Structure formats: structure tokens, C-alpha cells
Amino acid sequence: MKLEAIAGNIAHAIKDRSTDAPYNLSVEFTDKATKGKSATGCVIAHMPDHLHYTINSYDYRYMDADPQLVAEELGAFFECDDDLDQRQPLIDLVNQLIADDPDNDATLLNNDSTTE
């Protein structure tokens, strides 16, 4: 899936979330060096409730994230056709789409989008 479509889907999911149960969206990227296998890195959009979200980049795959996070509801798992170096552009685009949407009341809890 293309980066722009994934960013739009994530922004839409953050906007439309109406329950306070924790909710995650995960994006894994391709690794061109291994001819399209999943790269060791991901972006996770986490919504602890319907009005707040975080979106961060990690140097591991979603399934290797904190077991507590992985145990929460996974709303969508996207596979991005772009290489791993596109994590920050994806994060920036999601945040911009949310900021530009006057009907989106979600608040970014932190802006720690560096890899961890």
C-alpha cells in the first residue's frame, strides 16, 4: 500500500474513534535490500482513548513491541510499499492531515517520533 493512502487511513481512524478502549494501528515497511520482506522497523499509532494519540517510529517490528501494547486491540496492520526510511515522512503526513482537519478533535500526546 502507498504511504499517502496509509496516512489517510490512519488519520481517518484517529478521527472516527469513538470508544475509549486502547487501540493501535501498525505500519510495517518493505526492505528493498531483502527484496520486499518486512523491514526491521515500524510505525505505531496508539490511541489510549478516543481523544488522544501518539505516533512513533521504532527499530523493531510490531510483533516485537511491548507485549502490553501488542495485547491491545489492533485496528489495522498496514504494509507500506516504501522503504524503512519513509517512517518519518509517514508520521509527519498523519500529523499534518489531523491538524488540517477542522473536524478532528484528536490531540497528539507527544511528538517523540524518533526511533526507539
PDB file of N, CA and C in Angstrom:
ATOM      1  N   MET A   1       0.839  -1.166   0.000  1.00  0.00           N
ATOM      2  CA  MET A   1       0.000   0.000   0.000  1.00  0.00           C
ATOM      3  C   MET A   1       0.893   1.241   0.000  1.00  0.00           C
ATOM      4  N   LYS A   2       0.434   2.289  -0.612  1.00  0.00           N
ATOM      5  CA  LYS A   2       1.212   3.520  -0.714  1.00  0.00           C
ATOM      6  C   LYS A   2       1.118   4.362   0.552  1.00  0.00           C
ATOM      7  N   LEU A   3       2.191   5.077   0.837  1.00  0.00           N
ATOM      8  CA  LEU A   3       2.314   5.892   2.031  1.00  0.00           C
ATOM      9  C   LEU A   3       1.153   6.874   2.191  1.00  0.00           C
ATOM     10  N   GLU A   4       0.772   7.565   1.143  1.00  0.00           N
ATOM     11  CA  GLU A   4      -0.299   8.568   1.231  1.00  0.00           C
ATOM     12  C   GLU A   4      -1.623   7.931   1.628  1.00  0.00           C
ATOM     13  N   ALA A   5      -1.923   6.762   1.077  1.00  0.00           N
ATOM     14  CA  ALA A   5      -3.176   6.068   1.409  1.00  0.00           C
ATOM     15  C   ALA A   5      -3.165   5.598   2.856  1.00  0.00           C
ATOM     16  N   ILE A   6      -2.036   5.088   3.309  1.00  0.00           N
ATOM     17  CA  ILE A   6      -1.926   4.643   4.695  1.00  0.00           C
ATOM     18  C   ILE A   6      -2.096   5.827   5.645  1.00  0.00           C
ATOM     19  N   ALA A   7      -1.439   6.936   5.358  1.00  0.00           N
ATOM     20  CA  ALA A   7      -1.554   8.127   6.205  1.00  0.00           C
ATOM     21  C   ALA A   7      -3.007   8.590   6.283  1.00  0.00           C
ATOM     22  N   GLY A   8      -3.698   8.599   5.155  1.00  0.00           N
ATOM     23  CA  GLY A   8      -5.106   8.987   5.145  1.00  0.00           C
ATOM     24  C   GLY A   8      -5.964   8.041   5.963  1.00  0.00           C
ATOM     25  N   ASN A   9      -5.699   6.747   5.866  1.00  0.00           N
ATOM     26  CA  ASN A   9      -6.455   5.763   6.646  1.00  0.00           C
ATOM     27  C   ASN A   9      -6.207   5.927   8.140  1.00  0.00           C
ATOM     28  N   ILE A  10      -4.969   6.174   8.529  1.00  0.00           N
ATOM     29  CA  ILE A  10      -4.650   6.364   9.944  1.00  0.00           C
ATOM     30  C   ILE A  10      -5.323   7.627  10.477  1.00  0.00           C
ATOM     31  N   ALA A  11      -5.211   8.735   9.742  1.00  0.00           N
ATOM     32  CA  ALA A  11      -5.841   9.986  10.177  1.00  0.00           C
ATOM     33  C   ALA A  11      -7.353   9.818  10.305  1.00  0.00           C
ATOM     34  N   HIS A  12      -7.954   9.108   9.373  1.00  0.00           N
ATOM     35  CA  HIS A  12      -9.398   8.866   9.413  1.00  0.00           C
ATOM     36  C   HIS A  12      -9.768   8.004  10.625  1.00  0.00           C
ATOM     37  N   ALA A  13      -8.990   6.965  10.903  1.00  0.00           N
ATOM     38  CA  ALA A  13      -9.264   6.100  12.050  1.00  0.00           C
ATOM     39  C   ALA A  13      -9.146   6.868  13.360  1.00  0.00           C
ATOM     40  N   ILE A  14      -8.149   7.744  13.449  1.00  0.00           N
ATOM     41  CA  ILE A  14      -7.983   8.558  14.658  1.00  0.00           C
ATOM     42  C   ILE A  14      -9.180   9.501  14.822  1.00  0.00           C
ATOM     43  N   LYS A  15      -9.628  10.075  13.738  1.00  0.00           N
ATOM     44  CA  LYS A  15     -10.774  10.984  13.775  1.00  0.00           C
ATOM     45  C   LYS A  15     -12.060  10.272  14.179  1.00  0.00           C
ATOM     46  N   ASP A  16     -12.288   9.078  13.663  1.00  0.00           N
ATOM     47  CA  ASP A  16     -13.560   8.391  13.859  1.00  0.00           C
ATOM     48  C   ASP A  16     -13.621   7.511  15.101  1.00  0.00           C
ATOM     49  N   ARG A  17     -12.528   7.367  15.812  1.00  0.00           N
ATOM     50  CA  ARG A  17     -12.531   6.518  17.009  1.00  0.00           C
ATOM     51  C   ARG A  17     -13.461   7.124  18.050  1.00  0.00           C
ATOM     52  N   SER A  18     -14.432   6.343  18.541  1.00  0.00           N
ATOM     53  CA  SER A  18     -15.405   6.893  19.486  1.00  0.00           C
ATOM     54  C   SER A  18     -15.412   6.182  20.829  1.00  0.00           C
ATOM     55  N   THR A  19     -14.674   5.091  20.973  1.00  0.00           N
ATOM     56  CA  THR A  19     -14.628   4.407  22.256  1.00  0.00           C
ATOM     57  C   THR A  19     -13.289   4.665  22.930  1.00  0.00           C
ATOM     58  N   ASP A  20     -13.264   4.495  24.236  1.00  0.00           N
ATOM     59  CA  ASP A  20     -12.053   4.783  24.988  1.00  0.00           C
ATOM     60  C   ASP A  20     -11.160   3.577  25.209  1.00  0.00           C
ATOM     61  N   ALA A  21     -11.478   2.450  24.616  1.00  0.00           N
ATOM     62  CA  ALA A  21     -10.593   1.295  24.735  1.00  0.00           C
ATOM     63  C   ALA A  21      -9.310   1.574  23.962  1.00  0.00           C
ATOM     64  N   PRO A  22      -8.155   1.193  24.499  1.00  0.00           N
ATOM     65  CA  PRO A  22      -6.898   1.406  23.765  1.00  0.00           C
ATOM     66  C   PRO A  22      -6.943   0.713  22.403  1.00  0.00           C
ATOM     67  N   TYR A  23      -6.295   1.348  21.427  1.00  0.00           N
ATOM     68  CA  TYR A  23      -6.419   0.934  20.031  1.00  0.00           C
ATOM     69  C   TYR A  23      -5.117   1.257  19.319  1.00  0.00           C
ATOM     70  N   ASN A  24      -4.648   0.343  18.475  1.00  0.00           N
ATOM     71  CA  ASN A  24      -3.388   0.539  17.753  1.00  0.00           C
ATOM     72  C   ASN A  24      -3.562   0.374  16.253  1.00  0.00           C
ATOM     73  N   LEU A  25      -2.735   1.066  15.528  1.00  0.00           N
ATOM     74  CA  LEU A  25      -2.584   0.895  14.087  1.00  0.00           C
ATOM     75  C   LEU A  25      -1.093   0.728  13.847  1.00  0.00           C
ATOM     76  N   SER A  26      -0.728  -0.282  13.094  1.00  0.00           N
ATOM     77  CA  SER A  26       0.684  -0.560  12.868  1.00  0.00           C
ATOM     78  C   SER A  26       1.008  -0.500  11.380  1.00  0.00           C
ATOM     79  N   VAL A  27       2.199   0.003  11.078  1.00  0.00           N
ATOM     80  CA  VAL A  27       2.668   0.062   9.695  1.00  0.00           C
ATOM     81  C   VAL A  27       4.049  -0.580   9.642  1.00  0.00           C
ATOM     82  N   GLU A  28       4.180  -1.599   8.812  1.00  0.00           N
ATOM     83  CA  GLU A  28       5.487  -2.173   8.547  1.00  0.00           C
ATOM     84  C   GLU A  28       5.885  -1.798   7.125  1.00  0.00           C
ATOM     85  N   PHE A  29       7.161  -1.682   6.910  1.00  0.00           N
ATOM     86  CA  PHE A  29       7.701  -1.231   5.635  1.00  0.00           C
ATOM     87  C   PHE A  29       8.443  -2.361   4.941  1.00  0.00           C
ATOM     88  N   THR A  30       8.644  -2.225   3.657  1.00  0.00           N
ATOM     89  CA  THR A  30       9.418  -3.222   2.927  1.00  0.00           C
ATOM     90  C   THR A  30      10.901  -2.924   3.087  1.00  0.00           C
ATOM     91  N   ASP A  31      11.678  -3.933   2.880  1.00  0.00           N
ATOM     92  CA  ASP A  31      13.129  -3.807   2.938  1.00  0.00           C
ATOM     93  C   ASP A  31      13.663  -4.164   1.552  1.00  0.00           C
ATOM     94  N   LYS A  32      13.987  -3.156   0.779  1.00  0.00           N
ATOM     95  CA  LYS A  32      14.421  -3.401  -0.595  1.00  0.00           C
ATOM     96  C   LYS A  32      15.686  -4.250  -0.660  1.00  0.00           C
ATOM     97  N   ALA A  33      16.506  -4.193   0.385  1.00  0.00           N
ATOM     98  CA  ALA A  33      17.734  -4.997   0.404  1.00  0.00           C
ATOM     99  C   ALA A  33      17.415  -6.487   0.439  1.00  0.00           C
ATOM    100  N   THR A  34      16.254  -6.851   1.007  1.00  0.00           N
ATOM    101  CA  THR A  34      15.866  -8.267   1.061  1.00  0.00           C
ATOM    102  C   THR A  34      14.728  -8.564   0.086  1.00  0.00           C
ATOM    103  N   LYS A  35      14.583  -7.715  -0.898  1.00  0.00           N
ATOM    104  CA  LYS A  35      13.608  -7.897  -1.978  1.00  0.00           C
ATOM    105  C   LYS A  35      12.162  -7.976  -1.503  1.00  0.00           C
ATOM    106  N   GLY A  36      11.787  -7.024  -0.657  1.00  0.00           N
ATOM    107  CA  GLY A  36      10.384  -6.884  -0.303  1.00  0.00           C
ATOM    108  C   GLY A  36       9.930  -7.535   0.979  1.00  0.00           C
ATOM    109  N   LYS A  37      10.830  -8.176   1.706  1.00  0.00           N
ATOM    110  CA  LYS A  37      10.439  -8.722   3.005  1.00  0.00           C
ATOM    111  C   LYS A  37      10.238  -7.574   3.978  1.00  0.00           C
ATOM    112  N   SER A  38       9.566  -7.839   5.081  1.00  0.00           N
ATOM    113  CA  SER A  38       9.346  -6.795   6.077  1.00  0.00           C
ATOM    114  C   SER A  38      10.660  -6.314   6.661  1.00  0.00           C
ATOM    115  N   ALA A  39      10.793  -5.018   6.751  1.00  0.00           N
ATOM    116  CA  ALA A  39      11.980  -4.415   7.336  1.00  0.00           C
ATOM    117  C   ALA A  39      11.894  -4.492   8.859  1.00  0.00           C
ATOM    118  N   THR A  40      13.030  -4.377   9.509  1.00  0.00           N
ATOM    119  CA  THR A  40      13.058  -4.373  10.969  1.00  0.00           C
ATOM    120  C   THR A  40      12.820  -2.951  11.436  1.00  0.00           C
ATOM    121  N   GLY A  41      11.569  -2.583  11.504  1.00  0.00           N
ATOM    122  CA  GLY A  41      11.156  -1.251  11.919  1.00  0.00           C
ATOM    123  C   GLY A  41       9.696  -1.067  11.608  1.00  0.00           C
ATOM    124  N   CYS A  42       9.043  -0.184  12.351  1.00  0.00           N
ATOM    125  CA  CYS A  42       7.620   0.049  12.131  1.00  0.00           C
ATOM    126  C   CYS A  42       7.228   1.424  12.657  1.00  0.00           C
ATOM    127  N   VAL A  43       6.000   1.809  12.347  1.00  0.00           N
ATOM    128  CA  VAL A  43       5.365   2.978  12.927  1.00  0.00           C
ATOM    129  C   VAL A  43       4.111   2.470  13.621  1.00  0.00           C
ATOM    130  N   ILE A  44       3.913   2.926  14.850  1.00  0.00           N
ATOM    131  CA  ILE A  44       2.720   2.533  15.589  1.00  0.00           C
ATOM    132  C   ILE A  44       1.968   3.788  15.999  1.00  0.00           C
ATOM    133  N   ALA A  45       0.708   3.851  15.577  1.00  0.00           N
ATOM    134  CA  ALA A  45      -0.205   4.894  16.052  1.00  0.00           C
ATOM    135  C   ALA A  45      -1.000   4.259  17.183  1.00  0.00           C
ATOM    136  N   HIS A  46      -0.923   4.853  18.349  1.00  0.00           N
ATOM    137  CA  HIS A  46      -1.576   4.321  19.546  1.00  0.00           C
ATOM    138  C   HIS A  46      -2.592   5.341  20.050  1.00  0.00           C
ATOM    139  N   MET A  47      -3.799   4.885  20.291  1.00  0.00           N
ATOM    140  CA  MET A  47      -4.842   5.734  20.854  1.00  0.00           C
ATOM    141  C   MET A  47      -5.251   5.171  22.207  1.00  0.00           C
ATOM    142  N   PRO A  48      -4.813   5.786  23.294  1.00  0.00           N
ATOM    143  CA  PRO A  48      -5.204   5.295  24.618  1.00  0.00           C
ATOM    144  C   PRO A  48      -6.686   5.544  24.907  1.00  0.00           C
ATOM    145  N   ASP A  49      -7.247   6.533  24.223  1.00  0.00           N
ATOM    146  CA  ASP A  49      -8.672   6.847  24.302  1.00  0.00           C
ATOM    147  C   ASP A  49      -9.058   7.540  22.997  1.00  0.00           C
ATOM    148  N   HIS A  50     -10.322   7.928  22.859  1.00  0.00           N
ATOM    149  CA  HIS A  50     -10.772   8.454  21.564  1.00  0.00           C
ATOM    150  C   HIS A  50     -10.362   9.900  21.281  1.00  0.00           C
ATOM    151  N   LEU A  51      -9.749  10.580  22.233  1.00  0.00           N
ATOM    152  CA  LEU A  51      -9.369  11.979  22.008  1.00  0.00           C
ATOM    153  C   LEU A  51      -7.863  12.211  21.939  1.00  0.00           C
ATOM    154  N   HIS A  52      -7.070  11.168  22.132  1.00  0.00           N
ATOM    155  CA  HIS A  52      -5.627  11.331  22.180  1.00  0.00           C
ATOM    156  C   HIS A  52      -4.940  10.255  21.364  1.00  0.00           C
ATOM    157  N   TYR A  53      -3.770  10.588  20.861  1.00  0.00           N
ATOM    158  CA  TYR A  53      -2.997   9.597  20.116  1.00  0.00           C
ATOM    159  C   TYR A  53      -1.513   9.904  20.215  1.00  0.00           C
ATOM    160  N   THR A  54      -0.723   8.880  19.974  1.00  0.00           N
ATOM    161  CA  THR A  54       0.715   9.021  19.778  1.00  0.00           C
ATOM    162  C   THR A  54       1.034   8.311  18.467  1.00  0.00           C
ATOM    163  N   ILE A  55       2.070   8.733  17.825  1.00  0.00           N
ATOM    164  CA  ILE A  55       2.527   8.044  16.619  1.00  0.00           C
ATOM    165  C   ILE A  55       4.047   8.110  16.616  1.00  0.00           C
ATOM    166  N   ASN A  56       4.657   6.930  16.657  1.00  0.00           N
ATOM    167  CA  ASN A  56       6.103   6.849  16.806  1.00  0.00           C
ATOM    168  C   ASN A  56       6.694   5.794  15.894  1.00  0.00           C
ATOM    169  N   SER A  57       7.970   5.966  15.647  1.00  0.00           N
ATOM    170  CA  SER A  57       8.751   5.051  14.829  1.00  0.00           C
ATOM    171  C   SER A  57       9.625   4.203  15.747  1.00  0.00           C
ATOM    172  N   TYR A  58       9.743   2.922  15.406  1.00  0.00           N
ATOM    173  CA  TYR A  58      10.543   2.006  16.217  1.00  0.00           C
ATOM    174  C   TYR A  58      11.476   1.196  15.323  1.00  0.00           C
ATOM    175  N   ASP A  59      12.562   0.736  15.906  1.00  0.00           N
ATOM    176  CA  ASP A  59      13.550  -0.064  15.169  1.00  0.00           C
ATOM    177  C   ASP A  59      13.301  -1.554  15.353  1.00  0.00           C
ATOM    178  N   TYR A  60      12.071  -1.935  15.483  1.00  0.00           N
ATOM    179  CA  TYR A  60      11.685  -3.339  15.572  1.00  0.00           C
ATOM    180  C   TYR A  60      10.317  -3.486  14.937  1.00  0.00           C
ATOM    181  N   ARG A  61       9.931  -4.717  14.668  1.00  0.00           N
ATOM    182  CA  ARG A  61       8.627  -4.984  14.060  1.00  0.00           C
ATOM    183  C   ARG A  61       7.534  -4.891  15.119  1.00  0.00           C
ATOM    184  N   TYR A  62       6.309  -4.680  14.694  1.00  0.00           N
ATOM    185  CA  TYR A  62       5.177  -4.540  15.622  1.00  0.00           C
ATOM    186  C   TYR A  62       5.073  -5.736  16.556  1.00  0.00           C
ATOM    187  N   MET A  63       5.222  -6.937  16.028  1.00  0.00           N
ATOM    188  CA  MET A  63       5.058  -8.123  16.865  1.00  0.00           C
ATOM    189  C   MET A  63       6.136  -8.224  17.941  1.00  0.00           C
ATOM    190  N   ASP A  64       7.212  -7.444  17.826  1.00  0.00           N
ATOM    191  CA  ASP A  64       8.267  -7.424  18.831  1.00  0.00           C
ATOM    192  C   ASP A  64       8.136  -6.247  19.794  1.00  0.00           C
ATOM    193  N   ALA A  65       7.061  -5.500  19.691  1.00  0.00           N
ATOM    194  CA  ALA A  65       6.821  -4.347  20.570  1.00  0.00           C
ATOM    195  C   ALA A  65       6.488  -4.837  21.977  1.00  0.00           C
ATOM    196  N   ASP A  66       6.349  -3.913  22.886  1.00  0.00           N
ATOM    197  CA  ASP A  66       5.975  -4.209  24.272  1.00  0.00           C
ATOM    198  C   ASP A  66       4.753  -5.130  24.289  1.00  0.00           C
ATOM    199  N   PRO A  67       4.827  -6.281  24.942  1.00  0.00           N
ATOM    200  CA  PRO A  67       3.699  -7.221  24.960  1.00  0.00           C
ATOM    201  C   PRO A  67       2.385  -6.602  25.437  1.00  0.00           C
ATOM    202  N   GLN A  68       2.475  -5.623  26.326  1.00  0.00           N
ATOM    203  CA  GLN A  68       1.273  -4.934  26.789  1.00  0.00           C
ATOM    204  C   GLN A  68       0.608  -4.169  25.640  1.00  0.00           C
ATOM    205  N   LEU A  69       1.401  -3.531  24.808  1.00  0.00           N
ATOM    206  CA  LEU A  69       0.892  -2.803  23.654  1.00  0.00           C
ATOM    207  C   LEU A  69       0.301  -3.766  22.628  1.00  0.00           C
ATOM    208  N   VAL A  70       1.006  -4.842  22.345  1.00  0.00           N
ATOM    209  CA  VAL A  70       0.550  -5.822  21.364  1.00  0.00           C
ATOM    210  C   VAL A  70      -0.748  -6.496  21.819  1.00  0.00           C
ATOM    211  N   ALA A  71      -0.966  -6.589  23.121  1.00  0.00           N
ATOM    212  CA  ALA A  71      -2.180  -7.217  23.649  1.00  0.00           C
ATOM    213  C   ALA A  71      -3.417  -6.338  23.442  1.00  0.00           C
ATOM    214  N   GLU A  72      -3.234  -5.051  23.204  1.00  0.00           N
ATOM    215  CA  GLU A  72      -4.356  -4.151  22.964  1.00  0.00           C
ATOM    216  C   GLU A  72      -4.940  -4.393  21.571  1.00  0.00           C
ATOM    217  N   GLU A  73      -6.143  -3.878  21.360  1.00  0.00           N
ATOM    218  CA  GLU A  73      -6.810  -4.067  20.070  1.00  0.00           C
ATOM    219  C   GLU A  73      -5.977  -3.486  18.931  1.00  0.00           C
ATOM    220  N   LEU A  74      -5.793  -4.296  17.893  1.00  0.00           N
ATOM    221  CA  LEU A  74      -5.101  -3.853  16.686  1.00  0.00           C
ATOM    222  C   LEU A  74      -6.164  -3.553  15.642  1.00  0.00           C
ATOM    223  N   GLY A  75      -6.324  -2.281  15.334  1.00  0.00           N
ATOM    224  CA  GLY A  75      -7.351  -1.875  14.388  1.00  0.00           C
ATOM    225  C   GLY A  75      -6.984  -2.157  12.951  1.00  0.00           C
ATOM    226  N   ALA A  76      -5.709  -2.004  12.625  1.00  0.00           N
ATOM    227  CA  ALA A  76      -5.258  -2.264  11.259  1.00  0.00           C
ATOM    228  C   ALA A  76      -3.754  -2.490  11.267  1.00  0.00           C
ATOM    229  N   PHE A  77      -3.335  -3.344  10.359  1.00  0.00           N
ATOM    230  CA  PHE A  77      -1.922  -3.636  10.163  1.00  0.00           C
ATOM    231  C   PHE A  77      -1.636  -3.351   8.698  1.00  0.00           C
ATOM    232  N   PHE A  78      -0.901  -2.288   8.439  1.00  0.00           N
ATOM    233  CA  PHE A  78      -0.618  -1.872   7.066  1.00  0.00           C
ATOM    234  C   PHE A  78       0.772  -2.330   6.661  1.00  0.00           C
ATOM    235  N   GLU A  79       0.909  -2.713   5.413  1.00  0.00           N
ATOM    236  CA  GLU A  79       2.208  -2.990   4.832  1.00  0.00           C
ATOM    237  C   GLU A  79       2.473  -1.908   3.801  1.00  0.00           C
ATOM    238  N   CYS A  80       3.469  -1.082   4.070  1.00  0.00           N
ATOM    239  CA  CYS A  80       3.791   0.041   3.204  1.00  0.00           C
ATOM    240  C   CYS A  80       4.801  -0.386   2.149  1.00  0.00           C
ATOM    241  N   ASP A  81       4.530  -0.034   0.910  1.00  0.00           N
ATOM    242  CA  ASP A  81       5.407  -0.385  -0.208  1.00  0.00           C
ATOM    243  C   ASP A  81       6.728   0.373  -0.183  1.00  0.00           C
ATOM    244  N   ASP A  82       6.810   1.396   0.649  1.00  0.00           N
ATOM    245  CA  ASP A  82       8.023   2.210   0.697  1.00  0.00           C
ATOM    246  C   ASP A  82       9.061   1.589   1.621  1.00  0.00           C
ATOM    247  N   ASP A  83      10.304   2.049   1.468  1.00  0.00           N
ATOM    248  CA  ASP A  83      11.394   1.558   2.291  1.00  0.00           C
ATOM    249  C   ASP A  83      11.313   2.180   3.687  1.00  0.00           C
ATOM    250  N   LEU A  84      12.066   1.611   4.609  1.00  0.00           N
ATOM    251  CA  LEU A  84      12.044   1.985   6.018  1.00  0.00           C
ATOM    252  C   LEU A  84      12.357   3.455   6.264  1.00  0.00           C
ATOM    253  N   ASP A  85      13.093   4.086   5.368  1.00  0.00           N
ATOM    254  CA  ASP A  85      13.449   5.489   5.564  1.00  0.00           C
ATOM    255  C   ASP A  85      12.252   6.431   5.418  1.00  0.00           C
ATOM    256  N   GLN A  86      11.091   5.900   5.109  1.00  0.00           N
ATOM    257  CA  GLN A  86       9.893   6.722   4.952  1.00  0.00           C
ATOM    258  C   GLN A  86       9.033   6.770   6.216  1.00  0.00           C
ATOM    259  N   ARG A  87       9.557   6.265   7.328  1.00  0.00           N
ATOM    260  CA  ARG A  87       8.793   6.308   8.585  1.00  0.00           C
ATOM    261  C   ARG A  87       8.477   7.735   9.015  1.00  0.00           C
ATOM    262  N   GLN A  88       9.481   8.604   9.044  1.00  0.00           N
ATOM    263  CA  GLN A  88       9.233   9.978   9.486  1.00  0.00           C
ATOM    264  C   GLN A  88       8.314  10.734   8.531  1.00  0.00           C
ATOM    265  N   PRO A  89       8.474  10.622   7.214  1.00  0.00           N
ATOM    266  CA  PRO A  89       7.504  11.270   6.327  1.00  0.00           C
ATOM    267  C   PRO A  89       6.069  10.790   6.561  1.00  0.00           C
ATOM    268  N   LEU A  90       5.889   9.506   6.888  1.00  0.00           N
ATOM    269  CA  LEU A  90       4.548   9.000   7.195  1.00  0.00           C
ATOM    270  C   LEU A  90       4.003   9.663   8.456  1.00  0.00           C
ATOM    271  N   ILE A  91       4.810   9.723   9.493  1.00  0.00           N
ATOM    272  CA  ILE A  91       4.394  10.350  10.751  1.00  0.00           C
ATOM    273  C   ILE A  91       4.038  11.815  10.516  1.00  0.00           C
ATOM    274  N   ASP A  92       4.888  12.523   9.785  1.00  0.00           N
ATOM    275  CA  ASP A  92       4.638  13.939   9.505  1.00  0.00           C
ATOM    276  C   ASP A  92       3.340  14.129   8.730  1.00  0.00           C
ATOM    277  N   LEU A  93       3.085  13.261   7.759  1.00  0.00           N
ATOM    278  CA  LEU A  93       1.865  13.377   6.951  1.00  0.00           C
ATOM    279  C   LEU A  93       0.618  13.103   7.787  1.00  0.00           C
ATOM    280  N   VAL A  94       0.647  12.076   8.633  1.00  0.00           N
ATOM    281  CA  VAL A  94      -0.507  11.799   9.506  1.00  0.00           C
ATOM    282  C   VAL A  94      -0.784  12.999  10.393  1.00  0.00           C
ATOM    283  N   ASN A  95       0.247  13.520  11.044  1.00  0.00           N
ATOM    284  CA  ASN A  95       0.060  14.678  11.932  1.00  0.00           C
ATOM    285  C   ASN A  95      -0.476  15.885  11.171  1.00  0.00           C
ATOM    286  N   GLN A  96      -0.012  16.092   9.943  1.00  0.00           N
ATOM    287  CA  GLN A  96      -0.491  17.215   9.134  1.00  0.00           C
ATOM    288  C   GLN A  96      -1.957  17.023   8.737  1.00  0.00           C
ATOM    289  N   LEU A  97      -2.324  15.818   8.332  1.00  0.00           N
ATOM    290  CA  LEU A  97      -3.720  15.543   7.964  1.00  0.00           C
ATOM    291  C   LEU A  97      -4.652  15.786   9.142  1.00  0.00           C
ATOM    292  N   ILE A  98      -4.240  15.385  10.329  1.00  0.00           N
ATOM    293  CA  ILE A  98      -5.059  15.600  11.525  1.00  0.00           C
ATOM    294  C   ILE A  98      -5.142  17.090  11.842  1.00  0.00           C
ATOM    295  N   ALA A  99      -4.023  17.784  11.771  1.00  0.00           N
ATOM    296  CA  ALA A  99      -4.011  19.225  12.056  1.00  0.00           C
ATOM    297  C   ALA A  99      -4.850  20.012  11.062  1.00  0.00           C
ATOM    298  N   ASP A 100      -4.883  19.575   9.802  1.00  0.00           N
ATOM    299  CA  ASP A 100      -5.617  20.290   8.759  1.00  0.00           C
ATOM    300  C   ASP A 100      -7.115  20.001   8.752  1.00  0.00           C
ATOM    301  N   ASP A 101      -7.561  19.009   9.511  1.00  0.00           N
ATOM    302  CA  ASP A 101      -8.963  18.607   9.521  1.00  0.00           C
ATOM    303  C   ASP A 101      -9.679  19.296  10.684  1.00  0.00           C
ATOM    304  N   PRO A 102     -10.524  20.288  10.407  1.00  0.00           N
ATOM    305  CA  PRO A 102     -11.187  21.018  11.493  1.00  0.00           C
ATOM    306  C   PRO A 102     -12.159  20.152  12.292  1.00  0.00           C
ATOM    307  N   ASP A 103     -12.554  19.011  11.752  1.00  0.00           N
ATOM    308  CA  ASP A 103     -13.475  18.126  12.452  1.00  0.00           C
ATOM    309  C   ASP A 103     -12.768  17.055  13.272  1.00  0.00           C
ATOM    310  N   ASN A 104     -11.461  17.053  13.266  1.00  0.00           N
ATOM    311  CA  ASN A 104     -10.718  16.054  14.025  1.00  0.00           C
ATOM    312  C   ASN A 104     -10.301  16.652  15.359  1.00  0.00           C
ATOM    313  N   ASP A 105     -10.851  16.110  16.441  1.00  0.00           N
ATOM    314  CA  ASP A 105     -10.587  16.639  17.774  1.00  0.00           C
ATOM    315  C   ASP A 105      -9.459  15.920  18.502  1.00  0.00           C
ATOM    316  N   ALA A 106      -8.812  14.976  17.846  1.00  0.00           N
ATOM    317  CA  ALA A 106      -7.748  14.211  18.496  1.00  0.00           C
ATOM    318  C   ALA A 106      -6.546  15.096  18.778  1.00  0.00           C
ATOM    319  N   THR A 107      -5.908  14.846  19.904  1.00  0.00           N
ATOM    320  CA  THR A 107      -4.749  15.606  20.332  1.00  0.00           C
ATOM    321  C   THR A 107      -3.532  14.686  20.390  1.00  0.00           C
ATOM    322  N   LEU A 108      -2.436  15.130  19.805  1.00  0.00           N
ATOM    323  CA  LEU A 108      -1.190  14.401  19.853  1.00  0.00           C
ATOM    324  C   LEU A 108      -0.638  14.493  21.264  1.00  0.00           C
ATOM    325  N   LEU A 109      -0.434  13.339  21.925  1.00  0.00           N
ATOM    326  CA  LEU A 109       0.063  13.339  23.285  1.00  0.00           C
ATOM    327  C   LEU A 109       1.547  13.656  23.375  1.00  0.00           C
ATOM    328  N   ASN A 110       2.289  13.194  22.387  1.00  0.00           N
ATOM    329  CA  ASN A 110       3.717  13.519  22.364  1.00  0.00           C
ATOM    330  C   ASN A 110       4.171  13.555  20.922  1.00  0.00           C
ATOM    331  N   ASN A 111       5.293  14.105  20.709  1.00  0.00           N
ATOM    332  CA  ASN A 111       5.804  14.180  19.349  1.00  0.00           C
ATOM    333  C   ASN A 111       7.160  13.501  19.282  1.00  0.00           C
ATOM    334  N   ASP A 112       7.292  12.411  20.038  1.00  0.00           N
ATOM    335  CA  ASP A 112       8.527  11.662  20.069  1.00  0.00           C
ATOM    336  C   ASP A 112       8.535  10.671  18.926  1.00  0.00           C
ATOM    337  N   SER A 113       8.752  11.146  17.726  1.00  0.00           N
ATOM    338  CA  SER A 113       8.691  10.299  16.551  1.00  0.00           C
ATOM    339  C   SER A 113      10.049   9.764  16.142  1.00  0.00           C
ATOM    340  N   THR A 114      11.013   9.849  17.042  1.00  0.00           N
ATOM    341  CA  THR A 114      12.320   9.280  16.740  1.00  0.00           C
ATOM    342  C   THR A 114      12.278   7.781  16.974  1.00  0.00           C
ATOM    343  N   THR A 115      13.184   7.088  16.371  1.00  0.00           N
ATOM    344  CA  THR A 115      13.220   5.650  16.543  1.00  0.00           C
ATOM    345  C   THR A 115      13.655   5.292  17.956  1.00  0.00           C
ATOM    346  N   GLU A 116      13.080   4.221  18.443  1.00  0.00           N
ATOM    347  CA  GLU A 116      13.407   3.758  19.800  1.00  0.00           C
ATOM    348  C   GLU A 116      13.883   2.338  19.749  1.00  0.00           C
TER     349      GLU A 116
END
